[in-house]
Structures are given as C-alpha cells and as structure tokens.
Amino acid sequence: MTYINEIINFLANKKYVTIFINEDNLRGQMKEAAGKGRTILIIDDEEVIRDGSRQILTRKGYLVDDTGEAAKGLKMALSNSYDLILLDIRMPEGSGMDILKKLKEENNISARIIIITGYGTIPLAVEAMRHGAFNFLTKPYSAVELQEAVSGALKGDAPDDHEKDIPMLIGSSDYIKELKESIRRIAQTDSTVMITGLSGTGKELVARMIHQLSSRSDRAFIPVDCSSLAENLMESELFGHVKGAFSGATESREGRFQMADKGTLFLDEISNINLNIQAKLLRVIQEQEVPRVGKSSPEKVDVRLIAATNKDIRLEIEAGNFREDLFYRLSVVPLDLMKERRADILPIAEYYLNYFQKKHKSKVRCLSEEAKKSLLSYKWPGNVRELKNTIERLCVLSDHEMVNLSDIFYYGQNEGAKAPVVDSSSGRITLVDVEKEHIEKALKHFHFQINKTAEFLGIDRKTLRIKMRNYNIRTEQ
C-alpha cells in the first residue's frame, strides 16, 4: 500500500488525471484507421510481451517496431522519429531508466514514453515519471489496458501534435500545403463544413482528417453515401425510427445522427437528398434535434456535420433541386477540392507504387522517364482514385522492375484524355494488342479465375468471356 499511496500522491502533486474508458460503453469505437501513421517502438527483453503487444497494436493500425536488446533499442529510438516508446524498466543488458534519461537529454526526441514494469519495481516507475515518462504499465497487462495507455499517450492534445504532418494527403505542392493548414484550422472548430470536388478527389479522406484532428476524435465518425440511400427509407436511415412506425419496422432503430452523437456525421453527395428530407435536415441543424420516425418528440443530438458534393450546388438551387437556406447552413466553412494537382501526380504515383509493390509482392521498383511523362500528360478524369487504380494495375501486371510506357493502360480515357500507349523502342502497337495483353496478364496473375479477374479489370464476367473469345484467349485448367 505504501507504493500505491506514493504513486497517488505523486500524481496528485503533478496534477495528472487518468481517465479509464469502458470500451463497451463507447458508441462507434475508433476505427483501426485512427492508428495509421502513428509509430511505436517496443523495447522489452521478454519476447512474449513484445509479440503480444505488437499484435494488439498492429491490429489497431499502428506501425510497430520492437527489439529485446537495450542498446539496439536506444539506437533505434535515437535514429527514428517514433510517436511512442514502450520501455521495459529492467533488462539483462541495460537499464530502461538509463535509456529514458538519455532520450530525454536529446532535444530532438519528441516521443512519449510509457514504462513497462513489474509489481516489485513500481517505485522505479514513479522515479521514471519524475524523469519524464508519460505513464507506466504493470505486468501482466491486458489488451484493453495497453490500448488505453497508448491512446491516452497519443491523444491529440500534445503541444507538438499540431505541427505533425497530416497523413495520407500526399504531395508537396503549395495547394496541398494550404489544404493541410485549412484542415488543421477547421478541425479546431465545431463549424459545419461543405466540401466540394469531383469524384475521386478525396472528399471523405479530408472529412476523416478533420474529425481525427478535432476534439471529437475519440468518438464516432459516421459516413453516409446519400446517393445510395433509397428515397423512401432515407428519413429512417438518417433519423431512425421506432417499432411499428411503418410497415416492416419490427424493431426500433437508431439513425445515422444518433450513431454520430458527440462525434462527426459525414453526408457524402448531399445533393441527392430530396426536398422533403432537406427541410427536416435544416431543422436538425438549427435545433440540434432529430425527429425519429414514429416518435412525437424529437431527440437532442450533438453532431459535427460535414457535407460533400461533386455537383455545383448553385446550379442545383437555380433548378429548384436544392434549398438555398440549407446550402448556407451547410456552407459555414466551404472547402473546395476542385483545383488541379499536377505537381502532386508523381509523388502520389510513387507513394502507391511503393504501397502496392509490397502488398502484391510485385517486381516493379520504379517508373521510367517515359512512364512519368505519360502520367503527367494524362488528364485523370477519375482523379486520385483513377491514378491509384492505374498504379495498382501496374504492380499486379508488370513482370519487370522498371515500368515502361507500354506497360501503362488507362481505363475510361476519352478523346480529351488520350495518353500514349506506344513504346518508342518497339514501334507501333494497336489498342487491341494492348487490351489483349492486359487481359492475358490479369488472367495469369489470378490463375485464370474469371470472377477475380473480371473484378480487377472492372468488367463483368460475361464481358470478360466475350473478350477472351474474340481475342482467342484460352482458359488454362
């Protein structure tokens, strides 16, 4: 009890507050993606502790390195920029306390440190916190205890968190820099946001970044594709209903607004909702109350609303398809993703080349200069999504290290978006030849499984079989 009292007194004097969250009571737990981009180093000589902790954290989306050697752990911590270090206080070949002191002496080490300790070394853990450790875990600890300690240490209220780069927004152009700064500023408020941009420009990605950098990051992010909601069920899907409210309502159900309570609701393609629902949505925004179908009294909700559309809403207003008052309610903070990002094409392509090379164990390692010029000259009507798909196809189908001009095949190209498909070293080649070779490579990669090949090529099975027959491509048994 003496040790426990000492810890309590120490924490009280330092004004630390520890909050334990019951995961079962969290509505819409944070998704695995919330951990993506955050790096963790585990330094512990017990292999079972390292392996168990690594598996738990990796499943949550964190990037985890580990070592059982104290000297190697210190070197890794000093040479890499980690967000968090899990450090055993006692190891056979070195002291965790010595590592902690050396790390804290380095001004460029910003990682938070959680000490791993046994019951008999709790006094050392208290001393470690005096030397700058953020928290400590006592062996044996559960998966929930580990997750709570890690999420608490990585919570976005750290002074240097604001300066960290925003993951997944790839590029170094002035536009990307301005967009990241806008996201940071917007995230600090609770204002309603309207994101505009063509399909494939990353509207949902931007919405998720705003949520993850906001004070609501530990609550639910609920995305809704308004274009996929059946019109007769849209009201129930958004606002919920009570049992017996309509035919088929055999039980009460929460709507997307209730699911997003205390969190963020993302309404994608909002221009697709009808005028009746628009009127009710306007009232929800004004009153912060949700009219559950079949219930006389509305329910209070606390939701941060982010909407998005690929249409020109002002034209929709002129056509009488969208309420002007709702548009102004949604556009408190407008964010336009319409700008061309030509300077970011190659950084994005190289990012996904590295990603899909590892995912598919591809032979591809780099793009030739001709291939780069081709990517830059193409108009990308499908935007980042099409670029990503094109790079994945290259990694799946190319059987050599350098991607050449003849390896690139663009889907959906039109008269205004032609790109060369001719390899200058091999002479003229027709589009038919390119398509046939492309289909053959895909079939071989997926071991002539028609379903998987058709899905990868973006066509149905019947179309694939017709093309195979026309090109005289035989199915291998």
Protein backbone atom coordinates (compact mmCIF):
# COMPACT_ATOMS: atom_id res chain seq x y z
CA MET A 1 0.00 0.00 0.00
CA THR A 2 2.95 2.32 0.61
CA TYR A 3 3.88 2.17 -3.07
CA ILE A 4 0.30 2.81 -4.16
CA ASN A 5 -0.03 5.82 -1.84
CA GLU A 6 3.27 7.19 -3.12
CA ILE A 7 2.01 6.93 -6.70
CA ILE A 8 -1.30 8.59 -5.83
CA ASN A 9 0.44 11.44 -4.01
CA PHE A 10 2.91 11.90 -6.86
CA LEU A 11 0.18 12.05 -9.48
CA ALA A 12 -1.90 14.42 -7.35
CA ASN A 13 1.03 16.79 -6.87
CA LYS A 14 1.72 16.75 -10.61
CA LYS A 15 -1.99 17.30 -11.34
CA TYR A 16 -2.17 14.27 -13.62
CA VAL A 17 -5.64 12.91 -14.27
CA THR A 18 -6.08 9.35 -15.56
CA ILE A 19 -9.38 8.54 -17.26
CA PHE A 20 -10.29 4.90 -17.80
CA ILE A 21 -12.72 4.37 -20.65
CA ASN A 22 -15.05 1.40 -20.69
CA GLU A 23 -14.85 0.25 -24.32
CA ASP A 24 -18.24 -1.44 -24.09
CA ASN A 25 -19.88 1.95 -23.49
CA LEU A 26 -18.20 3.74 -26.37
CA ARG A 27 -20.58 4.44 -29.24
CA GLY A 28 -18.82 3.73 -32.54
CA GLN A 29 -15.33 2.88 -31.30
CA MET A 30 -12.47 4.47 -33.18
CA LYS A 31 -11.66 2.54 -36.32
CA GLU A 32 -8.32 0.89 -36.97
CA ALA A 33 -7.51 3.70 -39.36
CA ALA A 34 -7.25 6.07 -36.39
CA GLY A 35 -3.88 4.50 -35.54
CA LYS A 36 -2.49 4.68 -39.06
CA GLY A 37 0.60 6.79 -39.42
CA ARG A 38 1.45 6.62 -35.67
CA THR A 39 4.69 4.78 -34.98
CA ILE A 40 5.52 2.83 -31.83
CA LEU A 41 8.76 1.23 -30.61
CA ILE A 42 8.68 -1.60 -28.05
CA ILE A 43 11.90 -2.23 -26.06
CA ASP A 44 11.46 -5.30 -23.84
CA ASP A 45 13.62 -8.40 -23.34
CA GLU A 46 10.57 -10.67 -22.83
CA GLU A 47 9.62 -11.99 -26.26
CA VAL A 48 6.07 -12.91 -25.22
CA ILE A 49 5.43 -9.31 -24.07
CA ARG A 50 6.84 -7.87 -27.29
CA ASP A 51 4.95 -10.23 -29.59
CA GLY A 52 1.62 -9.86 -27.78
CA SER A 53 1.85 -6.05 -27.63
CA ARG A 54 2.92 -5.82 -31.28
CA GLN A 55 -0.04 -7.93 -32.45
CA ILE A 56 -2.55 -5.90 -30.41
CA LEU A 57 -1.23 -2.56 -31.64
CA THR A 58 -0.76 -3.65 -35.25
CA ARG A 59 -4.42 -4.72 -35.41
CA LYS A 60 -5.33 -1.20 -34.31
CA GLY A 61 -3.45 0.25 -37.27
CA TYR A 62 -0.24 1.39 -35.55
CA LEU A 63 3.17 0.89 -37.17
CA VAL A 64 5.21 -1.11 -34.65
CA ASP A 65 8.95 -1.87 -34.35
CA ASP A 66 10.38 -3.90 -31.48
CA THR A 67 13.62 -5.20 -30.02
CA GLY A 68 14.71 -7.17 -26.99
CA GLU A 69 18.13 -5.51 -26.75
CA ALA A 70 18.57 -2.34 -24.70
CA ALA A 71 21.48 -0.94 -26.74
CA LYS A 72 19.75 -1.59 -30.05
CA GLY A 73 16.53 -0.06 -28.69
CA LEU A 74 18.34 3.13 -27.71
CA LYS A 75 19.92 3.34 -31.17
CA MET A 76 16.54 2.81 -32.88
CA ALA A 77 14.87 5.42 -30.67
CA LEU A 78 17.57 7.99 -31.47
CA SER A 79 17.70 7.31 -35.22
CA ASN A 80 13.95 7.13 -35.92
CA SER A 81 11.08 9.51 -35.26
CA TYR A 82 8.64 7.49 -33.12
CA ASP A 83 5.43 8.84 -31.64
CA LEU A 84 5.54 6.50 -28.66
CA ILE A 85 8.06 4.18 -26.96
CA LEU A 86 7.09 1.27 -24.68
CA LEU A 87 10.17 0.77 -22.49
CA ASP A 88 10.86 -2.06 -20.03
CA ILE A 89 12.38 -0.67 -16.82
CA ARG A 90 14.63 -3.68 -16.22
CA MET A 91 16.53 -5.65 -18.86
CA PRO A 92 19.51 -8.02 -18.50
CA GLU A 93 21.87 -5.99 -20.71
CA GLY A 94 20.82 -2.47 -19.78
CA SER A 95 18.56 -0.29 -17.68
CA GLY A 96 15.36 1.22 -19.03
CA MET A 97 15.95 4.14 -16.68
CA ASP A 98 19.31 4.88 -18.35
CA ILE A 99 17.64 4.76 -21.79
CA LEU A 100 14.91 7.12 -20.58
CA LYS A 101 17.44 9.65 -19.26
CA LYS A 102 19.48 9.55 -22.49
CA LEU A 103 16.36 10.02 -24.61
CA LYS A 104 15.20 12.96 -22.52
CA GLU A 105 18.64 14.54 -22.85
CA GLU A 106 18.12 14.62 -26.62
CA ASN A 107 16.17 17.77 -27.50
CA ASN A 108 15.01 16.31 -30.84
CA ILE A 109 13.27 13.28 -29.27
CA SER A 110 9.55 14.09 -29.05
CA ALA A 111 8.24 10.56 -28.44
CA ARG A 112 6.18 9.97 -25.34
CA ILE A 113 7.43 7.10 -23.20
CA ILE A 114 5.39 4.51 -21.32
CA ILE A 115 7.39 2.48 -18.79
CA ILE A 116 6.72 -1.27 -18.54
CA THR A 117 7.27 -2.50 -15.02
CA GLY A 118 6.70 -5.48 -12.72
CA TYR A 119 4.92 -5.11 -9.40
CA GLY A 120 8.23 -5.20 -7.50
CA THR A 121 9.62 -2.26 -9.47
CA ILE A 122 6.74 0.21 -9.08
CA PRO A 123 8.99 2.65 -7.16
CA LEU A 124 11.24 2.72 -10.23
CA ALA A 125 8.22 3.55 -12.38
CA VAL A 126 7.45 6.51 -10.11
CA GLU A 127 11.05 7.68 -10.45
CA ALA A 128 10.80 7.23 -14.22
CA MET A 129 7.79 9.53 -14.35
CA ARG A 130 9.80 12.13 -12.43
CA HIS A 131 12.39 11.86 -15.23
CA GLY A 132 9.81 12.46 -17.95
CA ALA A 133 7.96 9.17 -18.61
CA PHE A 134 4.35 9.81 -19.56
CA ASN A 135 2.80 6.77 -17.85
CA PHE A 136 3.56 3.20 -16.82
CA LEU A 137 2.05 -0.26 -17.32
CA THR A 138 2.35 -3.04 -14.76
CA LYS A 139 2.97 -6.61 -15.97
CA PRO A 140 0.92 -8.57 -16.75
CA TYR A 141 -1.37 -6.07 -18.51
CA SER A 142 -4.45 -6.76 -20.62
CA ALA A 143 -5.08 -5.76 -24.24
CA VAL A 144 -7.57 -3.12 -23.06
CA GLU A 145 -5.07 -1.64 -20.58
CA LEU A 146 -2.44 -1.44 -23.32
CA GLN A 147 -4.83 0.19 -25.80
CA GLU A 148 -6.00 2.75 -23.21
CA ALA A 149 -2.44 3.65 -22.22
CA VAL A 150 -1.34 4.03 -25.86
CA SER A 151 -4.38 6.04 -26.99
CA GLY A 152 -4.03 8.26 -23.89
CA ALA A 153 -0.38 8.94 -24.64
CA LEU A 154 -1.07 9.67 -28.32
CA LYS A 155 -4.11 11.85 -27.72
CA GLY A 156 -4.11 14.99 -29.86
CA ASP A 157 -3.62 17.49 -27.01
CA ALA A 158 0.17 17.14 -27.04
CA PRO A 159 1.86 20.50 -27.78
CA ASP A 160 3.70 19.17 -30.83
CA ASP A 161 0.78 17.27 -32.35
CA HIS A 162 -0.44 20.35 -34.22
CA GLU A 163 2.85 20.56 -36.07
CA LYS A 164 2.81 16.95 -37.27
CA ASP A 165 2.11 16.29 -40.91
CA ILE A 166 -1.35 15.14 -41.93
CA PRO A 167 -1.06 11.53 -43.13
CA MET A 168 -2.48 10.30 -46.46
CA LEU A 169 -2.60 13.77 -48.03
CA ILE A 170 0.32 13.11 -50.33
CA GLY A 171 2.17 15.86 -52.14
CA SER A 172 4.33 18.91 -51.57
CA SER A 173 2.65 21.50 -53.81
CA ASP A 174 1.53 24.86 -52.45
CA TYR A 175 -2.05 23.68 -52.85
CA ILE A 176 -1.50 20.63 -50.61
CA LYS A 177 0.28 22.76 -48.01
CA GLU A 178 -2.63 25.22 -47.98
CA LEU A 179 -5.16 22.37 -47.79
CA LYS A 180 -3.39 20.80 -44.79
CA GLU A 181 -3.30 24.12 -42.99
CA SER A 182 -7.01 24.67 -43.74
CA ILE A 183 -7.82 21.22 -42.33
CA ARG A 184 -5.90 21.99 -39.14
CA ARG A 185 -7.74 25.28 -38.64
CA ILE A 186 -11.16 23.83 -39.44
CA ALA A 187 -10.59 20.89 -37.08
CA GLN A 188 -10.23 23.22 -34.12
CA THR A 189 -13.84 24.40 -34.50
CA ASP A 190 -17.23 22.69 -34.49
CA SER A 191 -18.46 24.57 -37.55
CA THR A 192 -20.40 22.83 -40.32
CA VAL A 193 -18.22 22.18 -43.39
CA MET A 194 -19.16 21.84 -47.07
CA ILE A 195 -16.52 20.03 -49.17
CA THR A 196 -16.84 20.33 -52.95
CA GLY A 197 -14.87 18.38 -55.52
CA LEU A 198 -15.15 15.88 -58.34
CA SER A 199 -15.45 12.17 -57.63
CA GLY A 200 -12.10 10.72 -56.63
CA THR A 201 -10.60 13.95 -55.24
CA GLY A 202 -10.57 12.65 -51.65
CA LYS A 203 -13.58 14.36 -50.04
CA GLU A 204 -14.15 11.60 -47.48
CA LEU A 205 -10.43 11.44 -46.71
CA VAL A 206 -10.43 15.18 -45.93
CA ALA A 207 -13.54 14.77 -43.77
CA ARG A 208 -11.85 11.98 -41.79
CA MET A 209 -8.74 14.11 -41.28
CA ILE A 210 -10.86 16.96 -39.92
CA HIS A 211 -12.52 14.54 -37.50
CA GLN A 212 -9.26 12.91 -36.36
CA LEU A 213 -7.66 16.30 -35.62
CA SER A 214 -10.73 17.58 -33.76
CA SER A 215 -11.75 17.32 -30.11
CA ARG A 216 -14.27 14.66 -31.21
CA SER A 217 -11.58 12.25 -32.44
CA ASP A 218 -12.32 9.71 -29.70
CA ARG A 219 -15.96 9.47 -30.78
CA ALA A 220 -17.60 8.03 -33.88
CA PHE A 221 -17.09 9.17 -37.47
CA ILE A 222 -20.20 8.08 -39.39
CA PRO A 223 -20.03 8.33 -43.22
CA VAL A 224 -23.28 8.28 -45.23
CA ASP A 225 -23.42 7.96 -49.02
CA CYS A 226 -26.66 9.84 -49.70
CA SER A 227 -26.71 8.63 -53.31
CA SER A 228 -27.03 5.01 -52.14
CA LEU A 229 -29.97 5.56 -49.78
CA ALA A 230 -33.39 4.50 -51.07
CA GLU A 231 -35.61 7.60 -51.19
CA ASN A 232 -38.48 6.00 -49.25
CA LEU A 233 -36.10 4.88 -46.48
CA MET A 234 -33.86 7.96 -46.37
CA GLU A 235 -35.69 9.60 -43.45
CA SER A 236 -35.48 6.43 -41.36
CA GLU A 237 -31.82 5.89 -42.26
CA LEU A 238 -30.85 9.41 -41.20
CA PHE A 239 -33.12 9.99 -38.21
CA GLY A 240 -34.03 6.47 -37.02
CA HIS A 241 -37.48 5.04 -36.28
CA VAL A 242 -39.47 3.39 -33.51
CA LYS A 243 -41.01 -0.06 -33.66
CA GLY A 244 -44.21 -0.08 -35.73
CA ALA A 245 -43.56 3.33 -37.31
CA PHE A 246 -44.18 1.86 -40.76
CA SER A 247 -44.66 -1.50 -42.45
CA GLY A 248 -41.60 -3.61 -41.84
CA ALA A 249 -40.40 -1.65 -38.77
CA THR A 250 -40.31 -4.70 -36.49
CA GLU A 251 -37.96 -3.04 -34.00
CA SER A 252 -36.71 0.41 -33.07
CA ARG A 253 -33.57 1.54 -34.83
CA GLU A 254 -31.14 4.41 -34.44
CA GLY A 255 -30.44 6.65 -37.42
CA ARG A 256 -27.06 7.94 -38.55
CA PHE A 257 -27.49 11.12 -36.49
CA GLN A 258 -27.95 9.13 -33.28
CA MET A 259 -24.95 6.93 -34.16
CA ALA A 260 -22.82 10.05 -34.61
CA ASP A 261 -23.88 11.68 -31.32
CA LYS A 262 -20.87 13.51 -29.78
CA GLY A 263 -18.95 12.66 -32.97
CA THR A 264 -18.95 13.60 -36.66
CA LEU A 265 -21.52 12.83 -39.36
CA PHE A 266 -20.29 12.93 -42.97
CA LEU A 267 -23.04 13.30 -45.59
CA ASP A 268 -21.45 12.49 -48.94
CA GLU A 269 -23.21 13.53 -52.17
CA ILE A 270 -25.72 15.53 -50.18
CA SER A 271 -27.23 16.98 -53.37
CA ASN A 272 -29.00 13.63 -53.83
CA ILE A 273 -31.40 14.02 -50.89
CA ASN A 274 -34.94 15.10 -51.74
CA LEU A 275 -36.54 18.42 -50.78
CA ASN A 276 -38.67 16.88 -48.02
CA ILE A 277 -35.62 15.49 -46.22
CA GLN A 278 -33.76 18.75 -46.89
CA ALA A 279 -36.40 20.63 -44.90
CA LYS A 280 -36.07 18.24 -41.95
CA LEU A 281 -32.28 18.35 -42.17
CA LEU A 282 -32.38 22.14 -41.99
CA ARG A 283 -34.37 21.95 -38.76
CA VAL A 284 -31.98 19.37 -37.30
CA ILE A 285 -29.06 21.72 -37.94
CA GLN A 286 -30.91 24.68 -36.44
CA GLU A 287 -32.31 22.94 -33.35
CA GLN A 288 -29.79 20.09 -32.87
CA GLU A 289 -32.83 17.81 -32.53
CA VAL A 290 -33.61 14.68 -34.55
CA PRO A 291 -37.21 13.74 -35.49
CA ARG A 292 -37.19 9.93 -35.13
CA VAL A 293 -39.84 8.44 -37.42
CA GLY A 294 -42.93 7.41 -35.42
CA LYS A 295 -41.96 9.40 -32.32
CA SER A 296 -43.79 12.59 -31.37
CA SER A 297 -40.95 14.35 -29.55
CA PRO A 298 -37.52 14.96 -31.17
CA GLU A 299 -34.26 13.75 -29.62
CA LYS A 300 -31.34 16.01 -28.75
CA VAL A 301 -28.07 15.22 -30.51
CA ASP A 302 -24.60 16.78 -30.51
CA VAL A 303 -23.19 16.20 -34.00
CA ARG A 304 -20.48 17.92 -36.01
CA LEU A 305 -21.77 17.90 -39.60
CA ILE A 306 -19.57 17.68 -42.70
CA ALA A 307 -21.26 17.55 -46.11
CA ALA A 308 -19.79 16.93 -49.55
CA THR A 309 -20.91 17.03 -53.18
CA ASN A 310 -19.46 16.59 -56.65
CA LYS A 311 -22.10 18.88 -58.18
CA ASP A 312 -22.36 22.66 -58.47
CA ILE A 313 -24.90 23.28 -55.72
CA ARG A 314 -25.71 26.78 -57.00
CA LEU A 315 -26.91 25.27 -60.28
CA GLU A 316 -29.00 22.77 -58.27
CA ILE A 317 -30.53 25.71 -56.35
CA GLU A 318 -31.40 27.52 -59.60
CA ALA A 319 -33.02 24.32 -60.90
CA GLY A 320 -35.11 24.06 -57.73
CA ASN A 321 -33.45 20.81 -56.60
CA PHE A 322 -31.72 22.16 -53.50
CA ARG A 323 -32.84 24.59 -50.80
CA GLU A 324 -30.82 27.80 -50.70
CA ASP A 325 -31.27 28.21 -46.91
CA LEU A 326 -29.89 24.70 -46.33
CA PHE A 327 -26.92 25.46 -48.60
CA TYR A 328 -25.97 28.46 -46.48
CA ARG A 329 -26.39 26.44 -43.28
CA LEU A 330 -24.06 23.76 -44.61
CA SER A 331 -21.51 26.15 -46.11
CA VAL A 332 -20.39 27.86 -42.92
CA VAL A 333 -16.87 26.72 -43.84
CA PRO A 334 -16.54 25.88 -47.56
CA LEU A 335 -13.60 23.73 -48.70
CA ASP A 336 -13.01 23.33 -52.45
CA LEU A 337 -11.01 20.37 -53.78
CA MET A 338 -11.56 21.30 -57.42
CA LYS A 339 -8.03 22.59 -58.04
CA GLU A 340 -5.74 20.62 -60.34
CA ARG A 341 -2.86 18.89 -58.55
CA ARG A 342 -0.49 18.23 -61.45
CA ALA A 343 2.58 18.90 -59.29
CA ASP A 344 1.49 16.11 -56.94
CA ILE A 345 0.89 13.41 -59.59
CA LEU A 346 4.35 11.84 -59.37
CA PRO A 347 4.60 11.92 -55.54
CA ILE A 348 1.18 10.24 -55.35
CA ALA A 349 2.13 7.69 -58.03
CA GLU A 350 5.39 6.82 -56.28
CA TYR A 351 3.64 6.52 -52.91
CA TYR A 352 1.13 3.99 -54.29
CA LEU A 353 3.86 2.24 -56.31
CA ASN A 354 5.68 1.53 -53.05
CA TYR A 355 2.45 0.55 -51.29
CA PHE A 356 1.16 -1.87 -53.94
CA GLN A 357 4.63 -3.27 -54.63
CA LYS A 358 4.69 -4.51 -51.03
CA LYS A 359 1.02 -5.54 -50.99
CA HIS A 360 1.21 -7.65 -54.17
CA LYS A 361 4.90 -8.63 -53.79
CA SER A 362 5.42 -7.10 -57.22
CA LYS A 363 8.68 -7.00 -59.18
CA VAL A 364 8.05 -3.33 -60.00
CA ARG A 365 10.51 -0.92 -58.38
CA CYS A 366 10.41 2.33 -60.35
CA LEU A 367 8.91 4.31 -63.23
CA SER A 368 10.86 5.09 -66.39
CA GLU A 369 11.14 8.71 -67.50
CA GLU A 370 8.75 7.98 -70.40
CA ALA A 371 6.22 6.47 -67.99
CA LYS A 372 6.46 9.54 -65.73
CA LYS A 373 5.85 11.85 -68.69
CA SER A 374 2.83 9.77 -69.66
CA LEU A 375 1.35 10.01 -66.14
CA LEU A 376 1.89 13.77 -66.16
CA SER A 377 0.32 14.23 -69.61
CA TYR A 378 -2.85 12.27 -68.80
CA LYS A 379 -5.89 14.33 -67.67
CA TRP A 380 -7.01 11.91 -64.91
CA PRO A 381 -10.80 12.24 -65.21
CA GLY A 382 -11.09 9.83 -62.25
CA ASN A 383 -8.65 11.95 -60.24
CA VAL A 384 -6.61 10.39 -57.43
CA ARG A 385 -8.80 7.28 -57.36
CA GLU A 386 -8.02 6.51 -61.01
CA LEU A 387 -4.32 7.21 -60.50
CA LYS A 388 -4.29 4.82 -57.55
CA ASN A 389 -6.03 2.10 -59.60
CA THR A 390 -3.65 2.59 -62.52
CA ILE A 391 -0.61 2.12 -60.28
CA GLU A 392 -2.13 -0.98 -58.69
CA ARG A 393 -2.68 -2.49 -62.16
CA LEU A 394 0.96 -1.82 -63.00
CA CYS A 395 2.14 -3.57 -59.83
CA VAL A 396 -0.09 -6.58 -60.49
CA LEU A 397 0.57 -6.99 -64.22
CA SER A 398 4.14 -5.82 -64.82
CA ASP A 399 6.76 -8.55 -64.67
CA HIS A 400 9.88 -6.35 -64.67
CA GLU A 401 11.42 -3.81 -62.29
CA MET A 402 11.05 -0.63 -64.36
CA VAL A 403 7.62 0.41 -65.63
CA ASN A 404 7.84 1.36 -69.30
CA LEU A 405 5.46 3.33 -71.47
CA SER A 406 4.00 0.16 -73.00
CA ASP A 407 3.04 -1.13 -69.52
CA ILE A 408 0.61 1.72 -68.88
CA PHE A 409 -3.03 1.27 -69.79
CA TYR A 410 -5.62 3.91 -68.89
CA TYR A 411 -9.25 2.95 -68.40
CA GLY A 412 -12.03 5.40 -69.20
CA GLN A 413 -9.91 7.59 -71.46
CA ASN A 414 -11.85 9.77 -73.84
CA GLU A 415 -10.96 11.98 -76.79
CA GLY A 416 -9.79 14.75 -74.49
CA ALA A 417 -7.74 12.45 -72.30
CA LYS A 418 -5.62 10.37 -74.63
CA ALA A 419 -2.29 9.10 -73.40
CA PRO A 420 0.39 7.35 -75.43
CA VAL A 421 0.40 3.57 -75.31
CA VAL A 422 3.28 3.07 -77.74
CA ASP A 423 6.77 2.04 -76.67
CA SER A 424 9.16 4.08 -78.81
CA SER A 425 11.72 1.27 -78.71
CA SER A 426 9.36 -1.36 -80.13
CA GLY A 427 7.41 0.61 -82.73
CA ARG A 428 3.68 0.98 -83.33
CA ILE A 429 1.19 -1.10 -81.33
CA THR A 430 -2.61 -1.04 -81.58
CA LEU A 431 -5.03 -0.54 -78.71
CA VAL A 432 -6.44 -4.02 -79.41
CA ASP A 433 -2.99 -5.52 -78.86
CA VAL A 434 -2.61 -3.62 -75.61
CA GLU A 435 -6.00 -4.76 -74.30
CA LYS A 436 -5.38 -8.40 -75.23
CA GLU A 437 -2.00 -8.43 -73.48
CA HIS A 438 -3.52 -6.65 -70.48
CA ILE A 439 -6.28 -9.27 -70.14
CA GLU A 440 -3.83 -12.14 -70.55
CA LYS A 441 -1.57 -10.77 -67.80
CA ALA A 442 -4.54 -10.31 -65.46
CA LEU A 443 -5.79 -13.86 -66.10
CA LYS A 444 -2.36 -15.34 -65.40
CA HIS A 445 -1.94 -13.30 -62.23
CA PHE A 446 -5.28 -14.54 -60.86
CA HIS A 447 -4.65 -18.09 -62.06
CA PHE A 448 -7.43 -17.83 -64.67
CA GLN A 449 -10.14 -17.26 -62.04
CA ILE A 450 -12.80 -15.45 -64.06
CA ASN A 451 -14.55 -13.74 -61.12
CA LYS A 452 -11.40 -12.24 -59.62
CA THR A 453 -10.01 -11.21 -63.00
CA ALA A 454 -13.25 -9.53 -64.07
CA GLU A 455 -13.48 -7.67 -60.76
CA PHE A 456 -9.89 -6.48 -61.08
CA LEU A 457 -10.43 -5.31 -64.69
CA GLY A 458 -13.64 -3.51 -63.72
CA ILE A 459 -15.89 -5.50 -66.07
CA ASP A 460 -18.48 -8.25 -65.57
CA ARG A 461 -17.82 -11.95 -66.20
CA LYS A 462 -19.86 -12.02 -69.42
CA THR A 463 -17.86 -9.15 -70.95
CA LEU A 464 -14.58 -10.81 -69.97
CA ARG A 465 -15.60 -14.11 -71.58
CA ILE A 466 -16.63 -12.30 -74.80
CA LYS A 467 -13.27 -10.51 -74.96
CA MET A 468 -11.44 -13.80 -74.29
CA ARG A 469 -13.38 -15.44 -77.15
CA ASN A 470 -12.74 -12.52 -79.52
CA TYR A 471 -9.02 -12.47 -78.71
CA ASN A 472 -8.80 -16.27 -78.77
CA ILE A 473 -7.56 -16.38 -75.18
CA ARG A 474 -7.93 -19.90 -73.81
CA THR A 475 -8.66 -20.67 -70.17
CA GLU A 476 -5.91 -22.78 -68.64
CA GLN A 477 -7.04 -25.63 -66.46
